[in-house]
PDB file of all heavy atoms in Angstrom:
ATOM      1  N   HIS A   1     -11.478   3.869   6.529  1.00  0.00           N
ATOM      2  CA  HIS A   1     -11.469   3.534   7.950  1.00  0.00           C
ATOM      3  C   HIS A   1     -10.931   4.695   8.779  1.00  0.00           C
ATOM      4  O   HIS A   1     -11.481   5.033   9.848  1.00  0.00           O
ATOM      5  CB  HIS A   1     -10.613   2.286   8.180  1.00  0.00           C
ATOM      6  CG  HIS A   1     -10.456   1.919   9.635  1.00  0.00           C
ATOM      7  ND1 HIS A   1     -11.466   1.341  10.380  1.00  0.00           N
ATOM      8  CD2 HIS A   1      -9.387   2.072  10.481  1.00  0.00           C
ATOM      9  CE1 HIS A   1     -11.047   1.149  11.616  1.00  0.00           C
ATOM     10  NE2 HIS A   1      -9.792   1.578  11.707  1.00  0.00           N
ATOM     11  N   ALA A   2      -9.863   5.317   8.311  1.00  0.00           N
ATOM     12  CA  ALA A   2      -9.219   6.388   9.075  1.00  0.00           C
ATOM     13  C   ALA A   2     -10.133   7.602   9.248  1.00  0.00           C
ATOM     14  O   ALA A   2     -10.147   8.231  10.316  1.00  0.00           O
ATOM     15  CB  ALA A   2      -7.929   6.806   8.387  1.00  0.00           C
ATOM     16  N   VAL A   3     -10.918   7.927   8.222  1.00  0.00           N
ATOM     17  CA  VAL A   3     -11.796   9.108   8.314  1.00  0.00           C
ATOM     18  C   VAL A   3     -13.202   8.734   8.753  1.00  0.00           C
ATOM     19  O   VAL A   3     -14.071   9.597   8.817  1.00  0.00           O
ATOM     20  CB  VAL A   3     -11.852   9.859   6.964  1.00  0.00           C
ATOM     21  CG1 VAL A   3     -10.476  10.332   6.546  1.00  0.00           C
ATOM     22  CG2 VAL A   3     -12.497   9.007   5.872  1.00  0.00           C
ATOM     23  N   GLU A   4     -13.425   7.443   9.051  1.00  0.00           N
ATOM     24  CA  GLU A   4     -14.755   6.959   9.477  1.00  0.00           C
ATOM     25  C   GLU A   4     -15.822   7.367   8.453  1.00  0.00           C
ATOM     26  O   GLU A   4     -16.836   7.972   8.795  1.00  0.00           O
ATOM     27  CB  GLU A   4     -15.110   7.523  10.845  1.00  0.00           C
ATOM     28  CG  GLU A   4     -14.109   7.189  11.941  1.00  0.00           C
ATOM     29  CD  GLU A   4     -14.454   7.852  13.260  1.00  0.00           C
ATOM     30  OE1 GLU A   4     -15.199   7.231  14.053  1.00  0.00           O
ATOM     31  OE2 GLU A   4     -14.004   8.988  13.468  1.00  0.00           O
ATOM     32  N   LEU A   5     -15.592   6.986   7.207  1.00  0.00           N
ATOM     33  CA  LEU A   5     -16.407   7.492   6.106  1.00  0.00           C
ATOM     34  C   LEU A   5     -17.899   7.191   6.235  1.00  0.00           C
ATOM     35  O   LEU A   5     -18.726   8.100   6.047  1.00  0.00           O
ATOM     36  CB  LEU A   5     -15.861   6.955   4.772  1.00  0.00           C
ATOM     37  CG  LEU A   5     -16.435   7.584   3.511  1.00  0.00           C
ATOM     38  CD1 LEU A   5     -16.274   9.103   3.526  1.00  0.00           C
ATOM     39  CD2 LEU A   5     -15.768   7.002   2.276  1.00  0.00           C
ATOM     40  N   PRO A   6     -18.322   5.973   6.543  1.00  0.00           N
ATOM     41  CA  PRO A   6     -19.767   5.724   6.654  1.00  0.00           C
ATOM     42  C   PRO A   6     -20.433   6.601   7.714  1.00  0.00           C
ATOM     43  O   PRO A   6     -21.513   7.164   7.487  1.00  0.00           O
ATOM     44  CB  PRO A   6     -19.850   4.235   7.009  1.00  0.00           C
ATOM     45  CG  PRO A   6     -18.580   3.646   6.490  1.00  0.00           C
ATOM     46  CD  PRO A   6     -17.547   4.716   6.694  1.00  0.00           C
ATOM     47  N   ARG A   7     -19.796   6.720   8.885  1.00  0.00           N
ATOM     48  CA  ARG A   7     -20.363   7.539   9.956  1.00  0.00           C
ATOM     49  C   ARG A   7     -20.373   9.009   9.564  1.00  0.00           C
ATOM     50  O   ARG A   7     -21.325   9.748   9.849  1.00  0.00           O
ATOM     51  CB  ARG A   7     -19.566   7.337  11.249  1.00  0.00           C
ATOM     52  CG  ARG A   7     -20.189   8.041  12.456  1.00  0.00           C
ATOM     53  CD  ARG A   7     -19.579   7.510  13.742  1.00  0.00           C
ATOM     54  NE  ARG A   7     -18.226   7.994  13.943  1.00  0.00           N
ATOM     55  CZ  ARG A   7     -17.944   9.150  14.559  1.00  0.00           C
ATOM     56  NH1 ARG A   7     -18.928   9.924  14.986  1.00  0.00           N
ATOM     57  NH2 ARG A   7     -16.705   9.517  14.752  1.00  0.00           N
ATOM     58  N   LEU A   8     -19.305   9.438   8.892  1.00  0.00           N
ATOM     59  CA  LEU A   8     -19.202  10.823   8.431  1.00  0.00           C
ATOM     60  C   LEU A   8     -20.321  11.158   7.458  1.00  0.00           C
ATOM     61  O   LEU A   8     -20.989  12.193   7.580  1.00  0.00           O
ATOM     62  CB  LEU A   8     -17.835  11.040   7.776  1.00  0.00           C
ATOM     63  CG  LEU A   8     -17.582  12.379   7.104  1.00  0.00           C
ATOM     64  CD1 LEU A   8     -17.653  13.522   8.110  1.00  0.00           C
ATOM     65  CD2 LEU A   8     -16.217  12.359   6.403  1.00  0.00           C
ATOM     66  N   GLN A   9     -20.562  10.269   6.502  1.00  0.00           N
ATOM     67  CA  GLN A   9     -21.604  10.526   5.513  1.00  0.00           C
ATOM     68  C   GLN A   9     -22.986  10.550   6.154  1.00  0.00           C
ATOM     69  O   GLN A   9     -23.819  11.397   5.824  1.00  0.00           O
ATOM     70  CB  GLN A   9     -21.564   9.486   4.399  1.00  0.00           C
ATOM     71  CG  GLN A   9     -22.605   9.742   3.304  1.00  0.00           C
ATOM     72  CD  GLN A   9     -22.388   8.878   2.081  1.00  0.00           C
ATOM     73  OE1 GLN A   9     -21.299   8.350   1.865  1.00  0.00           O
ATOM     74  NE2 GLN A   9     -23.408   8.749   1.263  1.00  0.00           N
ATOM     75  N   LYS A  10     -23.237   9.635   7.067  1.00  0.00           N
ATOM     76  CA  LYS A  10     -24.534   9.599   7.741  1.00  0.00           C
ATOM     77  C   LYS A  10     -24.772  10.880   8.541  1.00  0.00           C
ATOM     78  O   LYS A  10     -25.869  11.457   8.525  1.00  0.00           O
ATOM     79  CB  LYS A  10     -24.602   8.386   8.663  1.00  0.00           C
ATOM     80  CG  LYS A  10     -25.926   8.274   9.417  1.00  0.00           C
ATOM     81  CD  LYS A  10     -25.910   7.109  10.401  1.00  0.00           C
ATOM     82  CE  LYS A  10     -27.210   7.053  11.208  1.00  0.00           C
ATOM     83  NZ  LYS A  10     -27.191   5.981  12.235  1.00  0.00           N
ATOM     84  N   ALA A  11     -23.744  11.349   9.220  1.00  0.00           N
ATOM     85  CA  ALA A  11     -23.874  12.565  10.028  1.00  0.00           C
ATOM     86  C   ALA A  11     -24.201  13.766   9.145  1.00  0.00           C
ATOM     87  O   ALA A  11     -25.065  14.584   9.483  1.00  0.00           O
ATOM     88  CB  ALA A  11     -22.588  12.810  10.811  1.00  0.00           C
ATOM     89  N   VAL A  12     -23.522  13.872   8.022  1.00  0.00           N
ATOM     90  CA  VAL A  12     -23.766  14.989   7.107  1.00  0.00           C
ATOM     91  C   VAL A  12     -25.158  14.893   6.505  1.00  0.00           C
ATOM     92  O   VAL A  12     -25.911  15.880   6.469  1.00  0.00           O
ATOM     93  CB  VAL A  12     -22.692  15.017   5.998  1.00  0.00           C
ATOM     94  CG1 VAL A  12     -23.094  15.977   4.887  1.00  0.00           C
ATOM     95  CG2 VAL A  12     -21.340  15.402   6.587  1.00  0.00           C
ATOM     96  N   GLN A  13     -25.516  13.714   6.017  1.00  0.00           N
ATOM     97  CA  GLN A  13     -26.805  13.537   5.342  1.00  0.00           C
ATOM     98  C   GLN A  13     -27.971  13.863   6.278  1.00  0.00           C
ATOM     99  O   GLN A  13     -28.881  14.629   5.918  1.00  0.00           O
ATOM    100  CB  GLN A  13     -26.928  12.104   4.837  1.00  0.00           C
ATOM    101  CG  GLN A  13     -28.223  11.823   4.094  1.00  0.00           C
ATOM    102  CD  GLN A  13     -28.230  10.425   3.473  1.00  0.00           C
ATOM    103  OE1 GLN A  13     -27.295   9.659   3.641  1.00  0.00           O
ATOM    104  NE2 GLN A  13     -29.279  10.114   2.759  1.00  0.00           N
ATOM    105  N   LYS A  14     -27.969  13.301   7.469  1.00  0.00           N
ATOM    106  CA  LYS A  14     -29.069  13.513   8.407  1.00  0.00           C
ATOM    107  C   LYS A  14     -29.145  14.962   8.877  1.00  0.00           C
ATOM    108  O   LYS A  14     -30.236  15.521   9.057  1.00  0.00           O
ATOM    109  CB  LYS A  14     -28.921  12.579   9.604  1.00  0.00           C
ATOM    110  CG  LYS A  14     -29.100  11.106   9.283  1.00  0.00           C
ATOM    111  CD  LYS A  14     -30.530  10.819   8.819  1.00  0.00           C
ATOM    112  CE  LYS A  14     -30.745   9.335   8.580  1.00  0.00           C
ATOM    113  NZ  LYS A  14     -32.118   9.039   8.086  1.00  0.00           N
ATOM    114  N   THR A  15     -27.990  15.581   9.056  1.00  0.00           N
ATOM    115  CA  THR A  15     -27.973  16.960   9.536  1.00  0.00           C
ATOM    116  C   THR A  15     -28.467  17.931   8.470  1.00  0.00           C
ATOM    117  O   THR A  15     -29.272  18.825   8.754  1.00  0.00           O
ATOM    118  CB  THR A  15     -26.561  17.351   9.997  1.00  0.00           C
ATOM    119  OG1 THR A  15     -26.145  16.453  11.031  1.00  0.00           O
ATOM    120  CG2 THR A  15     -26.536  18.779  10.518  1.00  0.00           C
ATOM    121  N   LEU A  16     -28.007  17.764   7.234  1.00  0.00           N
ATOM    122  CA  LEU A  16     -28.492  18.629   6.152  1.00  0.00           C
ATOM    123  C   LEU A  16     -30.004  18.467   5.982  1.00  0.00           C
ATOM    124  O   LEU A  16     -30.722  19.455   5.763  1.00  0.00           O
ATOM    125  CB  LEU A  16     -27.770  18.293   4.847  1.00  0.00           C
ATOM    126  CG  LEU A  16     -26.290  18.687   4.745  1.00  0.00           C
ATOM    127  CD1 LEU A  16     -25.722  18.225   3.411  1.00  0.00           C
ATOM    128  CD2 LEU A  16     -26.095  20.188   4.912  1.00  0.00           C
ATOM    129  N   GLU A  17     -30.463  17.239   6.090  1.00  0.00           N
ATOM    130  CA  GLU A  17     -31.896  16.971   5.953  1.00  0.00           C
ATOM    131  C   GLU A  17     -32.695  17.650   7.066  1.00  0.00           C
ATOM    132  O   GLU A  17     -33.728  18.287   6.818  1.00  0.00           O
ATOM    133  CB  GLU A  17     -32.125  15.456   5.976  1.00  0.00           C
ATOM    134  CG  GLU A  17     -33.561  15.036   5.785  1.00  0.00           C
ATOM    135  CD  GLU A  17     -33.708  13.518   5.826  1.00  0.00           C
ATOM    136  OE1 GLU A  17     -32.897  12.825   5.176  1.00  0.00           O
ATOM    137  OE2 GLU A  17     -34.627  13.035   6.519  1.00  0.00           O
ATOM    138  N   THR A  18     -32.231  17.540   8.294  1.00  0.00           N
ATOM    139  CA  THR A  18     -32.925  18.149   9.433  1.00  0.00           C
ATOM    140  C   THR A  18     -32.944  19.673   9.331  1.00  0.00           C
ATOM    141  O   THR A  18     -33.953  20.313   9.646  1.00  0.00           O
ATOM    142  CB  THR A  18     -32.241  17.740  10.754  1.00  0.00           C
ATOM    143  OG1 THR A  18     -32.265  16.317  10.871  1.00  0.00           O
ATOM    144  CG2 THR A  18     -32.947  18.364  11.946  1.00  0.00           C
ATOM    145  N   LEU A  19     -31.840  20.250   8.875  1.00  0.00           N
ATOM    146  CA  LEU A  19     -31.727  21.708   8.803  1.00  0.00           C
ATOM    147  C   LEU A  19     -32.309  22.280   7.515  1.00  0.00           C
ATOM    148  O   LEU A  19     -32.274  23.492   7.311  1.00  0.00           O
ATOM    149  CB  LEU A  19     -30.255  22.122   8.922  1.00  0.00           C
ATOM    150  CG  LEU A  19     -29.526  21.690  10.198  1.00  0.00           C
ATOM    151  CD1 LEU A  19     -28.077  22.155  10.171  1.00  0.00           C
ATOM    152  CD2 LEU A  19     -30.235  22.229  11.428  1.00  0.00           C
ATOM    153  N   ASN A  20     -32.841  21.391   6.650  1.00  0.00           N
ATOM    154  CA  ASN A  20     -33.398  21.820   5.362  1.00  0.00           C
ATOM    155  C   ASN A  20     -32.363  22.578   4.546  1.00  0.00           C
ATOM    156  O   ASN A  20     -32.632  23.648   3.988  1.00  0.00           O
ATOM    157  CB  ASN A  20     -34.646  22.681   5.564  1.00  0.00           C
ATOM    158  CG  ASN A  20     -35.420  22.906   4.267  1.00  0.00           C
ATOM    159  OD1 ASN A  20     -35.360  22.089   3.345  1.00  0.00           O
ATOM    160  ND2 ASN A  20     -36.115  24.029   4.176  1.00  0.00           N
ATOM    161  N   LEU A  21     -31.187  22.000   4.486  1.00  0.00           N
ATOM    162  CA  LEU A  21     -30.079  22.613   3.760  1.00  0.00           C
ATOM    163  C   LEU A  21     -29.554  21.647   2.694  1.00  0.00           C
ATOM    164  O   LEU A  21     -29.756  20.437   2.780  1.00  0.00           O
ATOM    165  CB  LEU A  21     -28.933  22.951   4.712  1.00  0.00           C
ATOM    166  CG  LEU A  21     -29.174  24.038   5.764  1.00  0.00           C
ATOM    167  CD1 LEU A  21     -28.005  24.074   6.733  1.00  0.00           C
ATOM    168  CD2 LEU A  21     -29.367  25.392   5.111  1.00  0.00           C
ATOM    169  N   SER A  22     -28.880  22.207   1.714  1.00  0.00           N
ATOM    170  CA  SER A  22     -28.104  21.411   0.768  1.00  0.00           C
ATOM    171  C   SER A  22     -26.746  22.081   0.621  1.00  0.00           C
ATOM    172  O   SER A  22     -26.575  23.244   0.990  1.00  0.00           O
ATOM    173  CB  SER A  22     -28.808  21.307  -0.592  1.00  0.00           C
ATOM    174  OG  SER A  22     -28.981  22.590  -1.157  1.00  0.00           O
ATOM    175  N   CYS A  23     -25.815  21.343   0.103  1.00  0.00           N
ATOM    176  CA  CYS A  23     -24.464  21.881  -0.099  1.00  0.00           C
ATOM    177  C   CYS A  23     -24.120  21.811  -1.581  1.00  0.00           C
ATOM    178  O   CYS A  23     -24.267  20.754  -2.207  1.00  0.00           O
ATOM    179  CB  CYS A  23     -23.452  21.094   0.731  1.00  0.00           C
ATOM    180  SG  CYS A  23     -21.778  21.779   0.630  1.00  0.00           S
ATOM    181  N   VAL A  24     -23.686  22.920  -2.131  1.00  0.00           N
ATOM    182  CA  VAL A  24     -23.326  22.999  -3.548  1.00  0.00           C
ATOM    183  C   VAL A  24     -21.836  23.276  -3.671  1.00  0.00           C
ATOM    184  O   VAL A  24     -21.324  24.235  -3.081  1.00  0.00           O
ATOM    185  CB  VAL A  24     -24.130  24.103  -4.270  1.00  0.00           C
ATOM    186  CG1 VAL A  24     -23.650  24.262  -5.712  1.00  0.00           C
ATOM    187  CG2 VAL A  24     -25.626  23.792  -4.235  1.00  0.00           C
ATOM    188  N   TYR A  25     -21.154  22.408  -4.424  1.00  0.00           N
ATOM    189  CA  TYR A  25     -19.747  22.607  -4.747  1.00  0.00           C
ATOM    190  C   TYR A  25     -19.622  22.980  -6.227  1.00  0.00           C
ATOM    191  O   TYR A  25     -20.156  22.278  -7.090  1.00  0.00           O
ATOM    192  CB  TYR A  25     -18.941  21.328  -4.508  1.00  0.00           C
ATOM    193  CG  TYR A  25     -18.627  21.021  -3.071  1.00  0.00           C
ATOM    194  CD1 TYR A  25     -19.426  20.170  -2.324  1.00  0.00           C
ATOM    195  CD2 TYR A  25     -17.505  21.578  -2.461  1.00  0.00           C
ATOM    196  CE1 TYR A  25     -19.129  19.874  -1.002  1.00  0.00           C
ATOM    197  CE2 TYR A  25     -17.195  21.287  -1.140  1.00  0.00           C
ATOM    198  CZ  TYR A  25     -18.011  20.437  -0.418  1.00  0.00           C
ATOM    199  OH  TYR A  25     -17.708  20.151   0.890  1.00  0.00           O
ATOM    200  N   LEU A  26     -18.919  24.062  -6.505  1.00  0.00           N
ATOM    201  CA  LEU A  26     -18.618  24.451  -7.881  1.00  0.00           C
ATOM    202  C   LEU A  26     -17.106  24.406  -8.064  1.00  0.00           C
ATOM    203  O   LEU A  26     -16.362  25.067  -7.325  1.00  0.00           O
ATOM    204  CB  LEU A  26     -19.137  25.867  -8.175  1.00  0.00           C
ATOM    205  CG  LEU A  26     -20.630  26.117  -7.944  1.00  0.00           C
ATOM    206  CD1 LEU A  26     -20.972  27.568  -8.268  1.00  0.00           C
ATOM    207  CD2 LEU A  26     -21.482  25.178  -8.778  1.00  0.00           C
ATOM    208  N   PHE A  27     -16.654  23.608  -9.031  1.00  0.00           N
ATOM    209  CA  PHE A  27     -15.220  23.449  -9.303  1.00  0.00           C
ATOM    210  C   PHE A  27     -14.873  24.096 -10.637  1.00  0.00           C
ATOM    211  O   PHE A  27     -15.478  23.780 -11.667  1.00  0.00           O
ATOM    212  CB  PHE A  27     -14.844  21.964  -9.378  1.00  0.00           C
ATOM    213  CG  PHE A  27     -14.816  21.252  -8.064  1.00  0.00           C
ATOM    214  CD1 PHE A  27     -15.981  20.708  -7.521  1.00  0.00           C
ATOM    215  CD2 PHE A  27     -13.633  21.093  -7.362  1.00  0.00           C
ATOM    216  CE1 PHE A  27     -15.968  20.039  -6.309  1.00  0.00           C
ATOM    217  CE2 PHE A  27     -13.605  20.416  -6.145  1.00  0.00           C
ATOM    218  CZ  PHE A  27     -14.771  19.888  -5.616  1.00  0.00           C
ATOM    219  N   ASP A  28     -13.907  24.987 -10.621  1.00  0.00           N
ATOM    220  CA  ASP A  28     -13.395  25.574 -11.851  1.00  0.00           C
ATOM    221  C   ASP A  28     -11.872  25.515 -11.816  1.00  0.00           C
ATOM    222  O   ASP A  28     -11.272  25.301 -10.757  1.00  0.00           O
ATOM    223  CB  ASP A  28     -13.863  27.028 -11.993  1.00  0.00           C
ATOM    224  CG  ASP A  28     -13.581  27.612 -13.369  1.00  0.00           C
ATOM    225  OD1 ASP A  28     -13.622  26.839 -14.357  1.00  0.00           O
ATOM    226  OD2 ASP A  28     -13.312  28.822 -13.467  1.00  0.00           O
ATOM    227  N   GLY A  29     -11.244  25.679 -12.971  1.00  0.00           N
ATOM    228  CA  GLY A  29      -9.787  25.680 -13.031  1.00  0.00           C
ATOM    229  C   GLY A  29      -9.178  24.326 -12.791  1.00  0.00           C
ATOM    230  O   GLY A  29      -8.033  24.214 -12.327  1.00  0.00           O
ATOM    231  N   LEU A  30      -9.919  23.265 -13.103  1.00  0.00           N
ATOM    232  CA  LEU A  30      -9.386  21.916 -12.883  1.00  0.00           C
ATOM    233  C   LEU A  30      -8.303  21.538 -13.885  1.00  0.00           C
ATOM    234  O   LEU A  30      -7.747  20.446 -13.814  1.00  0.00           O
ATOM    235  CB  LEU A  30     -10.528  20.891 -12.931  1.00  0.00           C
ATOM    236  CG  LEU A  30     -11.509  20.953 -11.753  1.00  0.00           C
ATOM    237  CD1 LEU A  30     -12.709  20.042 -11.991  1.00  0.00           C
ATOM    238  CD2 LEU A  30     -10.823  20.595 -10.449  1.00  0.00           C
ATOM    239  N   ASP A  31      -8.017  22.434 -14.817  1.00  0.00           N
ATOM    240  CA  ASP A  31      -6.907  22.198 -15.744  1.00  0.00           C
ATOM    241  C   ASP A  31      -5.581  22.697 -15.181  1.00  0.00           C
ATOM    242  O   ASP A  31      -4.540  22.552 -15.829  1.00  0.00           O
ATOM    243  CB  ASP A  31      -7.186  22.879 -17.091  1.00  0.00           C
ATOM    244  CG  ASP A  31      -7.485  24.365 -16.937  1.00  0.00           C
ATOM    245  OD1 ASP A  31      -7.944  24.762 -15.854  1.00  0.00           O
ATOM    246  OD2 ASP A  31      -7.281  25.115 -17.902  1.00  0.00           O
ATOM    247  N   GLU A  32      -5.606  23.289 -13.975  1.00  0.00           N
ATOM    248  CA  GLU A  32      -4.350  23.727 -13.349  1.00  0.00           C
ATOM    249  C   GLU A  32      -3.462  22.514 -13.078  1.00  0.00           C
ATOM    250  O   GLU A  32      -3.866  21.569 -12.413  1.00  0.00           O
ATOM    251  CB  GLU A  32      -4.635  24.471 -12.037  1.00  0.00           C
ATOM    252  CG  GLU A  32      -5.314  25.811 -12.204  1.00  0.00           C
ATOM    253  CD  GLU A  32      -4.434  26.829 -12.888  1.00  0.00           C
ATOM    254  OE1 GLU A  32      -3.192  26.644 -12.897  1.00  0.00           O
ATOM    255  OE2 GLU A  32      -4.965  27.810 -13.427  1.00  0.00           O
ATOM    256  N   GLY A  33      -2.250  22.571 -13.602  1.00  0.00           N
ATOM    257  CA  GLY A  33      -1.310  21.475 -13.409  1.00  0.00           C
ATOM    258  C   GLY A  33      -1.638  20.222 -14.196  1.00  0.00           C
ATOM    259  O   GLY A  33      -1.044  19.169 -13.977  1.00  0.00           O
ATOM    260  N   TRP A  34      -2.583  20.334 -15.121  1.00  0.00           N
ATOM    261  CA  TRP A  34      -3.037  19.157 -15.867  1.00  0.00           C
ATOM    262  C   TRP A  34      -2.014  18.714 -16.912  1.00  0.00           C
ATOM    263  O   TRP A  34      -1.456  19.523 -17.652  1.00  0.00           O
ATOM    264  CB  TRP A  34      -4.354  19.465 -16.567  1.00  0.00           C
ATOM    265  CG  TRP A  34      -4.755  18.418 -17.574  1.00  0.00           C
ATOM    266  CD1 TRP A  34      -4.465  18.399 -18.910  1.00  0.00           C
ATOM    267  CD2 TRP A  34      -5.506  17.225 -17.322  1.00  0.00           C
ATOM    268  NE1 TRP A  34      -4.998  17.280 -19.498  1.00  0.00           N
ATOM    269  CE2 TRP A  34      -5.629  16.536 -18.560  1.00  0.00           C
ATOM    270  CE3 TRP A  34      -6.085  16.679 -16.182  1.00  0.00           C
ATOM    271  CZ2 TRP A  34      -6.327  15.337 -18.659  1.00  0.00           C
ATOM    272  CZ3 TRP A  34      -6.768  15.484 -16.298  1.00  0.00           C
ATOM    273  CH2 TRP A  34      -6.880  14.832 -17.522  1.00  0.00           C
ATOM    274  N   ILE A  35      -1.765  17.420 -16.959  1.00  0.00           N
ATOM    275  CA  ILE A  35      -1.048  16.798 -18.070  1.00  0.00           C
ATOM    276  C   ILE A  35      -1.812  15.528 -18.422  1.00  0.00           C
ATOM    277  O   ILE A  35      -2.479  14.942 -17.570  1.00  0.00           O
ATOM    278  CB  ILE A  35       0.423  16.464 -17.716  1.00  0.00           C
ATOM    279  CG1 ILE A  35       0.484  15.502 -16.520  1.00  0.00           C
ATOM    280  CG2 ILE A  35       1.234  17.704 -17.463  1.00  0.00           C
ATOM    281  CD1 ILE A  35       1.875  14.989 -16.237  1.00  0.00           C
ATOM    282  N   PRO A  36      -1.751  15.095 -19.680  1.00  0.00           N
ATOM    283  CA  PRO A  36      -2.533  13.908 -20.084  1.00  0.00           C
ATOM    284  C   PRO A  36      -1.900  12.612 -19.593  1.00  0.00           C
ATOM    285  O   PRO A  36      -1.343  11.838 -20.366  1.00  0.00           O
ATOM    286  CB  PRO A  36      -2.527  14.001 -21.609  1.00  0.00           C
ATOM    287  CG  PRO A  36      -1.274  14.730 -21.941  1.00  0.00           C
ATOM    288  CD  PRO A  36      -1.064  15.727 -20.819  1.00  0.00           C
ATOM    289  N   SER A  37      -1.994  12.364 -18.289  1.00  0.00           N
ATOM    290  CA  SER A  37      -1.424  11.149 -17.704  1.00  0.00           C
ATOM    291  C   SER A  37      -2.531  10.350 -17.020  1.00  0.00           C
ATOM    292  O   SER A  37      -3.611  10.869 -16.740  1.00  0.00           O
ATOM    293  CB  SER A  37      -0.347  11.512 -16.674  1.00  0.00           C
ATOM    294  OG  SER A  37      -0.932  12.160 -15.559  1.00  0.00           O
ATOM    295  N   ILE A  38      -2.239   9.085 -16.743  1.00  0.00           N
ATOM    296  CA  ILE A  38      -3.195   8.229 -16.046  1.00  0.00           C
ATOM    297  C   ILE A  38      -3.575   8.832 -14.702  1.00  0.00           C
ATOM    298  O   ILE A  38      -4.741   8.828 -14.294  1.00  0.00           O
ATOM    299  CB  ILE A  38      -2.604   6.817 -15.853  1.00  0.00           C
ATOM    300  CG1 ILE A  38      -2.551   6.074 -17.196  1.00  0.00           C
ATOM    301  CG2 ILE A  38      -3.423   6.023 -14.843  1.00  0.00           C
ATOM    302  CD1 ILE A  38      -3.916   5.781 -17.784  1.00  0.00           C
ATOM    303  N   GLU A  39      -2.568   9.381 -13.996  1.00  0.00           N
ATOM    304  CA  GLU A  39      -2.830   9.926 -12.665  1.00  0.00           C
ATOM    305  C   GLU A  39      -3.749  11.145 -12.731  1.00  0.00           C
ATOM    306  O   GLU A  39      -4.662  11.293 -11.910  1.00  0.00           O
ATOM    307  CB  GLU A  39      -1.507  10.295 -11.980  1.00  0.00           C
ATOM    308  CG  GLU A  39      -0.632   9.117 -11.626  1.00  0.00           C
ATOM    309  CD  GLU A  39       0.127   8.542 -12.830  1.00  0.00           C
ATOM    310  OE1 GLU A  39       0.241   9.262 -13.855  1.00  0.00           O
ATOM    311  OE2 GLU A  39       0.576   7.388 -12.744  1.00  0.00           O
TER     312      GLU A  39
END
């Protein structure tokens, strides 16, 4: 609710589609600070 998620997603989706763009996220180093906990 605070970030207006449905409206945010719709705005991004329609805009990327109109501009013929896509967004690629690459994540590395996700073991930084990692411990085998539930969190």
